[in-house]
Amino acid sequence: MNNYTIKDLCTNIISDFKQPLSYLLPALLLTAAGVFLYKLGRRNAKISPQSILLIIYMEVLMQTAFLSREPGSRKGIDLTLFGTWGQSAVSHAYFVENIIMLIPFGILAPIVLKQMRKIRCCVLTGFMLSCAIEISQFITQRGYCQLDDVVTNTAGTLIGWVIWKGFGKIITINRTNEKSIKK
């Protein structure tokens, strides 16, 4: 039986999210510089705020999953399904964090890219992104290559896509209601 509370789990997750949040300012600055240079080169170029958010998210994701660790600091492959679940609040927090990690991708990708509005395309891309991260972590030994991470990241992409789709339906219903009220 687990000897921790939901509060312990949430405390661990919140504590662990301090690190990715610390990458936000550098990502904002890097993106701002990139957008400035892009617009300088292409005067009439338009970049949507959603695209900028996706770029910032991807920078924070790469920093968190790949660049925040020393090369050679972690070795190994774990192909055990749900092997990372463990018994402690910390291990459960890592599991949940891997789901949370790709939820923004599942929300932002369909907003920015039309092809991602199809569930299969978005979830498959999230799966491939997760595989690429895990393989890169294995090759550079910057993280453990774990089947659970791929499964949980893919689940996070699916959850994000469902959130995007749900909000899209709410917005459509509200717009329809507003139009019928105006008539």
N, C-alpha and C. Protein backbone atom coordinates (compact mmCIF):
# COMPACT_ATOMS: atom_id res chain seq x y z
N MET A 1 0.85 -1.18 0.00
CA MET A 1 0.00 0.00 0.00
C MET A 1 0.89 1.24 0.00
N ASN A 2 0.49 2.23 -0.77
CA ASN A 2 1.26 3.46 -0.87
C ASN A 2 1.03 4.33 0.36
N ASN A 3 2.11 4.87 0.90
CA ASN A 3 2.03 5.68 2.10
C ASN A 3 2.21 7.17 1.79
N TYR A 4 1.50 7.65 0.81
CA TYR A 4 1.57 9.07 0.49
C TYR A 4 0.19 9.53 0.07
N THR A 5 0.02 10.83 0.06
CA THR A 5 -1.28 11.40 -0.28
C THR A 5 -1.21 12.05 -1.67
N ILE A 6 -2.35 12.42 -2.18
CA ILE A 6 -2.43 13.16 -3.44
C ILE A 6 -1.66 14.48 -3.29
N LYS A 7 -1.73 15.05 -2.10
CA LYS A 7 -0.99 16.30 -1.83
C LYS A 7 0.50 16.08 -2.03
N ASP A 8 1.04 14.93 -1.56
CA ASP A 8 2.45 14.61 -1.75
C ASP A 8 2.78 14.50 -3.23
N LEU A 9 1.92 13.85 -3.98
CA LEU A 9 2.10 13.70 -5.42
C LEU A 9 2.13 15.07 -6.09
N CYS A 10 1.15 15.91 -5.78
CA CYS A 10 1.07 17.26 -6.37
C CYS A 10 2.26 18.11 -5.97
N THR A 11 2.70 17.99 -4.73
CA THR A 11 3.87 18.74 -4.26
C THR A 11 5.10 18.36 -5.07
N ASN A 12 5.28 17.07 -5.34
CA ASN A 12 6.42 16.61 -6.15
C ASN A 12 6.33 17.14 -7.57
N ILE A 13 5.14 17.10 -8.15
CA ILE A 13 4.96 17.57 -9.52
C ILE A 13 5.25 19.07 -9.60
N ILE A 14 4.70 19.84 -8.69
CA ILE A 14 4.93 21.29 -8.67
C ILE A 14 6.42 21.60 -8.49
N SER A 15 7.07 20.88 -7.60
CA SER A 15 8.50 21.08 -7.38
C SER A 15 9.29 20.77 -8.64
N ASP A 16 8.94 19.69 -9.32
CA ASP A 16 9.66 19.30 -10.54
C ASP A 16 9.42 20.26 -11.69
N PHE A 17 8.30 20.98 -11.69
CA PHE A 17 8.01 21.91 -12.78
C PHE A 17 8.74 23.24 -12.63
N LYS A 18 9.42 23.43 -11.52
CA LYS A 18 10.22 24.65 -11.35
C LYS A 18 11.36 24.68 -12.37
N GLN A 19 11.95 23.53 -12.64
CA GLN A 19 13.06 23.47 -13.58
C GLN A 19 12.61 23.88 -14.99
N PRO A 20 11.58 23.26 -15.58
CA PRO A 20 11.15 23.71 -16.92
C PRO A 20 10.72 25.17 -16.95
N LEU A 21 10.11 25.66 -15.88
CA LEU A 21 9.71 27.07 -15.85
C LEU A 21 10.93 27.98 -15.90
N SER A 22 12.06 27.51 -15.37
CA SER A 22 13.28 28.33 -15.41
C SER A 22 13.82 28.46 -16.84
N TYR A 23 13.39 27.59 -17.74
CA TYR A 23 13.83 27.65 -19.14
C TYR A 23 12.95 28.59 -19.97
N LEU A 24 11.88 29.08 -19.39
CA LEU A 24 10.92 29.88 -20.13
C LEU A 24 11.50 31.22 -20.60
N LEU A 25 12.18 31.94 -19.73
CA LEU A 25 12.74 33.24 -20.12
C LEU A 25 13.77 33.10 -21.24
N PRO A 26 14.74 32.18 -21.13
CA PRO A 26 15.67 32.02 -22.26
C PRO A 26 14.95 31.63 -23.55
N ALA A 27 13.92 30.79 -23.45
CA ALA A 27 13.16 30.40 -24.65
C ALA A 27 12.44 31.60 -25.25
N LEU A 28 11.87 32.45 -24.39
CA LEU A 28 11.21 33.67 -24.87
C LEU A 28 12.20 34.58 -25.59
N LEU A 29 13.36 34.77 -25.00
CA LEU A 29 14.37 35.63 -25.60
C LEU A 29 14.89 35.06 -26.92
N LEU A 30 15.15 33.78 -26.95
CA LEU A 30 15.62 33.13 -28.16
C LEU A 30 14.57 33.22 -29.27
N THR A 31 13.33 32.99 -28.91
CA THR A 31 12.25 33.07 -29.90
C THR A 31 12.07 34.49 -30.39
N ALA A 32 12.12 35.45 -29.49
CA ALA A 32 11.99 36.86 -29.89
C ALA A 32 13.10 37.23 -30.87
N ALA A 33 14.32 36.81 -30.60
CA ALA A 33 15.43 37.08 -31.51
C ALA A 33 15.21 36.40 -32.86
N GLY A 34 14.75 35.17 -32.82
CA GLY A 34 14.48 34.44 -34.06
C GLY A 34 13.38 35.07 -34.89
N VAL A 35 12.31 35.48 -34.23
CA VAL A 35 11.20 36.14 -34.93
C VAL A 35 11.68 37.47 -35.52
N PHE A 36 12.46 38.22 -34.75
CA PHE A 36 12.99 39.49 -35.24
C PHE A 36 13.84 39.28 -36.50
N LEU A 37 14.75 38.32 -36.46
CA LEU A 37 15.60 38.04 -37.62
C LEU A 37 14.79 37.54 -38.81
N TYR A 38 13.80 36.72 -38.54
CA TYR A 38 12.95 36.20 -39.61
C TYR A 38 12.18 37.34 -40.28
N LYS A 39 11.61 38.21 -39.47
CA LYS A 39 10.87 39.35 -40.00
C LYS A 39 11.79 40.35 -40.69
N LEU A 40 13.02 40.46 -40.22
CA LEU A 40 14.00 41.33 -40.85
C LEU A 40 14.31 40.83 -42.27
N GLY A 41 14.43 39.52 -42.40
CA GLY A 41 14.71 38.92 -43.70
C GLY A 41 13.51 38.87 -44.62
N ARG A 42 12.34 38.77 -44.06
CA ARG A 42 11.09 38.70 -44.82
C ARG A 42 10.15 39.74 -44.26
N ARG A 43 10.21 40.90 -44.78
CA ARG A 43 9.48 42.05 -44.24
C ARG A 43 7.97 41.82 -44.12
N ASN A 44 7.36 41.12 -45.03
CA ASN A 44 5.91 40.92 -45.00
C ASN A 44 5.50 39.62 -44.31
N ALA A 45 6.46 38.96 -43.70
CA ALA A 45 6.16 37.68 -43.06
C ALA A 45 5.24 37.87 -41.85
N LYS A 46 4.32 36.95 -41.72
CA LYS A 46 3.42 36.97 -40.57
C LYS A 46 3.62 35.69 -39.78
N ILE A 47 3.76 35.86 -38.50
CA ILE A 47 3.90 34.72 -37.60
C ILE A 47 2.81 34.85 -36.55
N SER A 48 1.99 33.82 -36.44
CA SER A 48 0.87 33.88 -35.49
C SER A 48 1.38 33.73 -34.06
N PRO A 49 0.66 34.32 -33.11
CA PRO A 49 1.02 34.13 -31.69
C PRO A 49 1.03 32.65 -31.31
N GLN A 50 0.13 31.87 -31.91
CA GLN A 50 0.09 30.43 -31.61
C GLN A 50 1.36 29.73 -32.08
N SER A 51 1.87 30.14 -33.24
CA SER A 51 3.13 29.56 -33.74
C SER A 51 4.28 29.89 -32.80
N ILE A 52 4.28 31.12 -32.30
CA ILE A 52 5.32 31.53 -31.37
C ILE A 52 5.24 30.71 -30.09
N LEU A 53 4.03 30.48 -29.60
CA LEU A 53 3.86 29.65 -28.40
C LEU A 53 4.36 28.23 -28.63
N LEU A 54 4.08 27.67 -29.82
CA LEU A 54 4.54 26.32 -30.13
C LEU A 54 6.07 26.28 -30.16
N ILE A 55 6.69 27.28 -30.74
CA ILE A 55 8.15 27.33 -30.79
C ILE A 55 8.73 27.41 -29.38
N ILE A 56 8.17 28.29 -28.56
CA ILE A 56 8.65 28.43 -27.16
C ILE A 56 8.47 27.12 -26.42
N TYR A 57 7.31 26.48 -26.58
CA TYR A 57 7.07 25.19 -25.93
C TYR A 57 8.11 24.16 -26.36
N MET A 58 8.39 24.09 -27.67
CA MET A 58 9.35 23.09 -28.16
C MET A 58 10.74 23.36 -27.60
N GLU A 59 11.11 24.63 -27.46
CA GLU A 59 12.41 24.96 -26.87
C GLU A 59 12.48 24.49 -25.41
N VAL A 60 11.44 24.76 -24.65
CA VAL A 60 11.41 24.34 -23.25
C VAL A 60 11.41 22.81 -23.16
N LEU A 61 10.66 22.16 -24.04
CA LEU A 61 10.62 20.69 -24.06
C LEU A 61 12.00 20.11 -24.32
N MET A 62 12.69 20.63 -25.33
CA MET A 62 14.02 20.10 -25.65
C MET A 62 15.01 20.36 -24.51
N GLN A 63 14.92 21.52 -23.91
CA GLN A 63 15.81 21.83 -22.79
C GLN A 63 15.54 20.87 -21.62
N THR A 64 14.26 20.64 -21.35
CA THR A 64 13.88 19.77 -20.23
C THR A 64 14.26 18.32 -20.47
N ALA A 65 13.91 17.81 -21.64
CA ALA A 65 14.06 16.38 -21.91
C ALA A 65 15.46 15.98 -22.34
N PHE A 66 16.21 16.94 -22.83
CA PHE A 66 17.47 16.55 -23.47
C PHE A 66 18.67 17.35 -23.00
N LEU A 67 18.57 18.66 -23.01
CA LEU A 67 19.75 19.49 -22.79
C LEU A 67 20.04 19.80 -21.33
N SER A 68 19.12 19.48 -20.43
CA SER A 68 19.31 19.82 -19.02
C SER A 68 20.17 18.80 -18.27
N ARG A 69 20.62 17.78 -18.98
CA ARG A 69 21.39 16.72 -18.32
C ARG A 69 22.77 16.60 -18.95
N GLU A 70 23.71 16.16 -18.17
CA GLU A 70 25.07 15.96 -18.67
C GLU A 70 25.11 14.73 -19.56
N PRO A 71 25.87 14.78 -20.68
CA PRO A 71 26.04 13.58 -21.50
C PRO A 71 26.67 12.47 -20.67
N GLY A 72 26.18 11.28 -20.82
CA GLY A 72 26.72 10.14 -20.10
C GLY A 72 26.21 9.98 -18.68
N SER A 73 25.29 10.85 -18.26
CA SER A 73 24.82 10.81 -16.87
C SER A 73 23.78 9.72 -16.62
N ARG A 74 23.16 9.23 -17.67
CA ARG A 74 22.13 8.20 -17.51
C ARG A 74 22.29 7.17 -18.62
N LYS A 75 22.29 5.92 -18.22
CA LYS A 75 22.47 4.85 -19.19
C LYS A 75 21.37 3.83 -19.02
N GLY A 76 20.97 3.22 -20.12
CA GLY A 76 20.08 2.09 -20.01
C GLY A 76 18.78 2.25 -20.78
N ILE A 77 18.18 1.09 -20.99
CA ILE A 77 16.89 0.99 -21.66
C ILE A 77 15.97 0.20 -20.75
N ASP A 78 14.73 0.67 -20.61
CA ASP A 78 13.73 -0.04 -19.82
C ASP A 78 12.50 -0.22 -20.70
N LEU A 79 12.28 -1.44 -21.14
CA LEU A 79 11.15 -1.74 -22.00
C LEU A 79 9.98 -2.37 -21.24
N THR A 80 10.01 -2.24 -19.91
CA THR A 80 8.94 -2.76 -19.08
C THR A 80 7.79 -1.77 -19.07
N LEU A 81 6.61 -2.22 -19.51
CA LEU A 81 5.44 -1.35 -19.51
C LEU A 81 5.02 -1.08 -18.07
N PHE A 82 4.86 0.17 -17.73
CA PHE A 82 4.52 0.67 -16.40
C PHE A 82 5.61 0.37 -15.37
N GLY A 83 6.83 0.17 -15.85
CA GLY A 83 7.97 -0.07 -14.96
C GLY A 83 8.37 1.16 -14.16
N THR A 84 8.03 2.35 -14.66
CA THR A 84 8.40 3.57 -13.94
C THR A 84 7.36 3.98 -12.91
N TRP A 85 6.23 3.31 -12.85
CA TRP A 85 5.16 3.69 -11.92
C TRP A 85 5.66 3.64 -10.49
N GLY A 86 6.39 2.60 -10.12
CA GLY A 86 7.00 2.51 -8.79
C GLY A 86 6.01 2.50 -7.65
N GLN A 87 6.52 2.78 -6.45
CA GLN A 87 5.72 2.72 -5.23
C GLN A 87 5.66 4.04 -4.47
N SER A 88 6.43 5.01 -4.89
CA SER A 88 6.52 6.25 -4.12
C SER A 88 5.82 7.41 -4.82
N ALA A 89 5.61 8.47 -4.08
CA ALA A 89 5.02 9.69 -4.65
C ALA A 89 5.93 10.25 -5.73
N VAL A 90 7.23 10.13 -5.54
CA VAL A 90 8.19 10.65 -6.53
C VAL A 90 8.09 9.88 -7.83
N SER A 91 8.06 8.56 -7.77
CA SER A 91 7.97 7.77 -9.01
C SER A 91 6.63 7.99 -9.70
N HIS A 92 5.56 8.10 -8.93
CA HIS A 92 4.25 8.39 -9.53
C HIS A 92 4.24 9.78 -10.15
N ALA A 93 4.91 10.73 -9.51
CA ALA A 93 4.99 12.10 -10.05
C ALA A 93 5.71 12.09 -11.39
N TYR A 94 6.82 11.34 -11.51
CA TYR A 94 7.53 11.26 -12.79
C TYR A 94 6.62 10.70 -13.88
N PHE A 95 5.85 9.71 -13.53
CA PHE A 95 4.94 9.08 -14.48
C PHE A 95 3.91 10.10 -14.98
N VAL A 96 3.29 10.81 -14.05
CA VAL A 96 2.27 11.82 -14.38
C VAL A 96 2.91 12.97 -15.17
N GLU A 97 4.13 13.37 -14.78
CA GLU A 97 4.82 14.46 -15.47
C GLU A 97 5.08 14.12 -16.93
N ASN A 98 5.35 12.85 -17.22
CA ASN A 98 5.55 12.46 -18.61
C ASN A 98 4.27 12.55 -19.42
N ILE A 99 3.14 12.40 -18.79
CA ILE A 99 1.87 12.62 -19.48
C ILE A 99 1.69 14.12 -19.72
N ILE A 100 1.90 14.90 -18.67
CA ILE A 100 1.72 16.36 -18.76
C ILE A 100 2.65 16.97 -19.80
N MET A 101 3.83 16.40 -19.94
CA MET A 101 4.87 16.98 -20.79
C MET A 101 4.43 17.22 -22.24
N LEU A 102 3.61 16.36 -22.80
CA LEU A 102 3.20 16.53 -24.20
C LEU A 102 1.76 17.00 -24.36
N ILE A 103 1.07 17.30 -23.30
CA ILE A 103 -0.28 17.87 -23.42
C ILE A 103 -0.24 19.19 -24.21
N PRO A 104 0.70 20.10 -23.92
CA PRO A 104 0.74 21.33 -24.71
C PRO A 104 0.94 21.08 -26.21
N PHE A 105 1.73 20.07 -26.54
CA PHE A 105 1.92 19.73 -27.96
C PHE A 105 0.60 19.34 -28.60
N GLY A 106 -0.19 18.51 -27.89
CA GLY A 106 -1.49 18.08 -28.39
C GLY A 106 -2.49 19.21 -28.55
N ILE A 107 -2.29 20.30 -27.81
CA ILE A 107 -3.16 21.47 -27.92
C ILE A 107 -2.66 22.42 -29.00
N LEU A 108 -1.37 22.73 -28.97
CA LEU A 108 -0.82 23.75 -29.87
C LEU A 108 -0.63 23.28 -31.31
N ALA A 109 -0.21 22.03 -31.49
CA ALA A 109 0.04 21.55 -32.85
C ALA A 109 -1.20 21.67 -33.75
N PRO A 110 -2.40 21.26 -33.31
CA PRO A 110 -3.57 21.42 -34.20
C PRO A 110 -3.99 22.87 -34.41
N ILE A 111 -3.66 23.73 -33.48
CA ILE A 111 -3.97 25.15 -33.67
C ILE A 111 -3.10 25.72 -34.78
N VAL A 112 -1.83 25.32 -34.80
CA VAL A 112 -0.86 25.90 -35.74
C VAL A 112 -0.86 25.18 -37.09
N LEU A 113 -0.98 23.86 -37.07
CA LEU A 113 -0.85 23.06 -38.30
C LEU A 113 -2.15 22.33 -38.62
N LYS A 114 -2.72 22.61 -39.77
CA LYS A 114 -4.01 22.01 -40.14
C LYS A 114 -3.98 20.49 -40.15
N GLN A 115 -2.87 19.90 -40.62
CA GLN A 115 -2.82 18.45 -40.69
C GLN A 115 -2.88 17.80 -39.31
N MET A 116 -2.51 18.54 -38.27
CA MET A 116 -2.55 18.02 -36.90
C MET A 116 -3.97 18.01 -36.33
N ARG A 117 -4.92 18.53 -37.06
CA ARG A 117 -6.30 18.53 -36.59
C ARG A 117 -6.94 17.16 -36.70
N LYS A 118 -6.27 16.27 -37.41
CA LYS A 118 -6.71 14.88 -37.47
C LYS A 118 -6.04 14.15 -36.31
N ILE A 119 -6.83 13.48 -35.53
CA ILE A 119 -6.32 12.84 -34.31
C ILE A 119 -5.16 11.90 -34.60
N ARG A 120 -5.29 11.11 -35.67
CA ARG A 120 -4.23 10.14 -35.99
C ARG A 120 -2.91 10.85 -36.27
N CYS A 121 -2.97 11.92 -37.02
CA CYS A 121 -1.75 12.65 -37.39
C CYS A 121 -1.10 13.27 -36.15
N CYS A 122 -1.90 13.91 -35.32
CA CYS A 122 -1.36 14.57 -34.13
C CYS A 122 -0.77 13.56 -33.14
N VAL A 123 -1.50 12.52 -32.85
CA VAL A 123 -1.03 11.53 -31.88
C VAL A 123 0.18 10.77 -32.42
N LEU A 124 0.17 10.44 -33.71
CA LEU A 124 1.32 9.77 -34.32
C LEU A 124 2.55 10.67 -34.26
N THR A 125 2.38 11.95 -34.52
CA THR A 125 3.50 12.89 -34.44
C THR A 125 4.01 12.99 -33.01
N GLY A 126 3.11 13.05 -32.03
CA GLY A 126 3.51 13.05 -30.62
C GLY A 126 4.28 11.79 -30.27
N PHE A 127 3.82 10.65 -30.78
CA PHE A 127 4.50 9.37 -30.57
C PHE A 127 5.91 9.42 -31.16
N MET A 128 6.02 9.92 -32.41
CA MET A 128 7.33 9.99 -33.06
C MET A 128 8.26 10.98 -32.36
N LEU A 129 7.70 12.09 -31.89
CA LEU A 129 8.49 13.07 -31.13
C LEU A 129 9.03 12.42 -29.86
N SER A 130 8.19 11.69 -29.17
CA SER A 130 8.62 11.01 -27.95
C SER A 130 9.69 9.96 -28.25
N CYS A 131 9.50 9.20 -29.32
CA CYS A 131 10.52 8.21 -29.71
C CYS A 131 11.85 8.89 -30.03
N ALA A 132 11.78 10.02 -30.73
CA ALA A 132 13.00 10.76 -31.08
C ALA A 132 13.72 11.23 -29.81
N ILE A 133 12.95 11.72 -28.85
CA ILE A 133 13.55 12.17 -27.58
C ILE A 133 14.21 10.99 -26.87
N GLU A 134 13.49 9.88 -26.77
CA GLU A 134 14.03 8.71 -26.06
C GLU A 134 15.27 8.14 -26.74
N ILE A 135 15.25 8.08 -28.06
CA ILE A 135 16.42 7.56 -28.80
C ILE A 135 17.60 8.51 -28.62
N SER A 136 17.34 9.81 -28.70
CA SER A 136 18.41 10.81 -28.49
C SER A 136 18.97 10.72 -27.07
N GLN A 137 18.09 10.53 -26.10
CA GLN A 137 18.55 10.38 -24.72
C GLN A 137 19.42 9.13 -24.57
N PHE A 138 19.03 8.05 -25.24
CA PHE A 138 19.80 6.81 -25.16
C PHE A 138 21.18 6.98 -25.80
N ILE A 139 21.20 7.56 -27.01
CA ILE A 139 22.46 7.72 -27.74
C ILE A 139 23.43 8.61 -26.97
N THR A 140 22.94 9.70 -26.44
CA THR A 140 23.81 10.65 -25.72
C THR A 140 23.94 10.34 -24.24
N GLN A 141 23.15 9.39 -23.77
CA GLN A 141 23.10 9.00 -22.37
C GLN A 141 22.72 10.19 -21.49
N ARG A 142 21.78 10.99 -21.98
CA ARG A 142 21.27 12.15 -21.23
C ARG A 142 19.93 11.82 -20.56
N GLY A 143 19.50 10.60 -20.67
CA GLY A 143 18.25 10.18 -20.05
C GLY A 143 18.05 8.70 -20.29
N TYR A 144 17.25 8.10 -19.46
CA TYR A 144 16.95 6.69 -19.64
C TYR A 144 15.96 6.54 -20.79
N CYS A 145 16.21 5.56 -21.63
CA CYS A 145 15.31 5.26 -22.74
C CYS A 145 14.25 4.31 -22.19
N GLN A 146 13.02 4.81 -22.04
CA GLN A 146 11.98 4.02 -21.37
C GLN A 146 10.71 3.94 -22.22
N LEU A 147 10.20 2.74 -22.33
CA LEU A 147 8.94 2.52 -23.04
C LEU A 147 7.82 3.32 -22.39
N ASP A 148 7.82 3.37 -21.07
CA ASP A 148 6.79 4.13 -20.35
C ASP A 148 6.75 5.60 -20.78
N ASP A 149 7.92 6.18 -21.01
CA ASP A 149 7.96 7.59 -21.42
C ASP A 149 7.25 7.77 -22.76
N VAL A 150 7.48 6.85 -23.68
CA VAL A 150 6.82 6.94 -24.99
C VAL A 150 5.31 6.79 -24.82
N VAL A 151 4.89 5.83 -24.02
CA VAL A 151 3.45 5.59 -23.81
C VAL A 151 2.80 6.79 -23.12
N THR A 152 3.43 7.29 -22.06
CA THR A 152 2.83 8.41 -21.32
C THR A 152 2.87 9.70 -22.12
N ASN A 153 3.96 9.95 -22.85
CA ASN A 153 4.03 11.14 -23.70
C ASN A 153 2.95 11.09 -24.78
N THR A 154 2.76 9.91 -25.37
CA THR A 154 1.73 9.75 -26.40
C THR A 154 0.35 9.96 -25.80
N ALA A 155 0.13 9.45 -24.60
CA ALA A 155 -1.14 9.69 -23.91
C ALA A 155 -1.34 11.18 -23.66
N GLY A 156 -0.27 11.88 -23.31
CA GLY A 156 -0.34 13.32 -23.11
C GLY A 156 -0.73 14.06 -24.38
N THR A 157 -0.16 13.63 -25.51
CA THR A 157 -0.53 14.23 -26.79
C THR A 157 -2.02 14.02 -27.06
N LEU A 158 -2.50 12.82 -26.82
CA LEU A 158 -3.92 12.51 -27.03
C LEU A 158 -4.79 13.37 -26.12
N ILE A 159 -4.43 13.49 -24.87
CA ILE A 159 -5.20 14.32 -23.93
C ILE A 159 -5.21 15.78 -24.41
N GLY A 160 -4.05 16.27 -24.85
CA GLY A 160 -3.98 17.63 -25.37
C GLY A 160 -4.88 17.82 -26.58
N TRP A 161 -4.86 16.86 -27.50
CA TRP A 161 -5.70 16.94 -28.69
C TRP A 161 -7.18 16.96 -28.31
N VAL A 162 -7.57 16.13 -27.35
CA VAL A 162 -8.96 16.09 -26.89
C VAL A 162 -9.34 17.44 -26.26
N ILE A 163 -8.44 18.03 -25.51
CA ILE A 163 -8.69 19.36 -24.93
C ILE A 163 -8.89 20.37 -26.06
N TRP A 164 -7.98 20.35 -27.06
CA TRP A 164 -8.10 21.26 -28.21
C TRP A 164 -9.45 21.07 -28.90
N LYS A 165 -9.81 19.84 -29.15
CA LYS A 165 -11.06 19.53 -29.84
C LYS A 165 -12.26 19.98 -29.00
N GLY A 166 -12.21 19.74 -27.70
CA GLY A 166 -13.30 20.14 -26.81
C GLY A 166 -13.49 21.65 -26.79
N PHE A 167 -12.39 22.38 -26.68
CA PHE A 167 -12.50 23.85 -26.71
C PHE A 167 -13.00 24.34 -28.05
N GLY A 168 -12.58 23.66 -29.12
CA GLY A 168 -13.07 24.03 -30.45
C GLY A 168 -14.57 23.88 -30.57
N LYS A 169 -15.09 22.81 -29.99
CA LYS A 169 -16.55 22.61 -30.01
C LYS A 169 -17.27 23.65 -29.17
N ILE A 170 -16.71 23.98 -28.02
CA ILE A 170 -17.31 25.00 -27.16
C ILE A 170 -17.35 26.34 -27.88
N ILE A 171 -16.24 26.70 -28.52
CA ILE A 171 -16.18 27.97 -29.25
C ILE A 171 -17.18 27.98 -30.39
N THR A 172 -17.29 26.86 -31.11
CA THR A 172 -18.26 26.76 -32.22
C THR A 172 -19.68 26.91 -31.71
N ILE A 173 -19.99 26.26 -30.61
CA ILE A 173 -21.35 26.34 -30.02
C ILE A 173 -21.63 27.78 -29.59
N ASN A 174 -20.66 28.42 -28.95
CA ASN A 174 -20.85 29.81 -28.51
C ASN A 174 -21.05 30.75 -29.69
N ARG A 175 -20.28 30.56 -30.76
CA ARG A 175 -20.44 31.41 -31.95
C ARG A 175 -21.80 31.20 -32.59
N THR A 176 -22.24 29.95 -32.64
CA THR A 176 -23.56 29.64 -33.20
C THR A 176 -24.65 30.30 -32.38
N ASN A 177 -24.54 30.20 -31.06
CA ASN A 177 -25.52 30.82 -30.17
C ASN A 177 -25.53 32.35 -30.31
N GLU A 178 -24.34 32.95 -30.43
CA GLU A 178 -24.27 34.41 -30.58
C GLU A 178 -24.93 34.85 -31.90
N LYS A 179 -24.71 34.09 -32.96
CA LYS A 179 -25.30 34.43 -34.25
C LYS A 179 -26.82 34.31 -34.20
N SER A 180 -27.32 33.28 -33.52
CA SER A 180 -28.78 33.10 -33.45
C SER A 180 -29.44 34.17 -32.55
N ILE A 181 -28.71 34.67 -31.55
CA ILE A 181 -29.21 35.71 -30.68
C ILE A 181 -29.29 37.04 -31.45
N LYS A 182 -28.27 37.29 -32.29
CA LYS A 182 -28.23 38.54 -33.06
C LYS A 182 -29.34 38.63 -34.10
N LYS A 183 -29.84 37.49 -34.56
CA LYS A 183 -30.89 37.48 -35.58
C LYS A 183 -32.17 37.83 -34.97
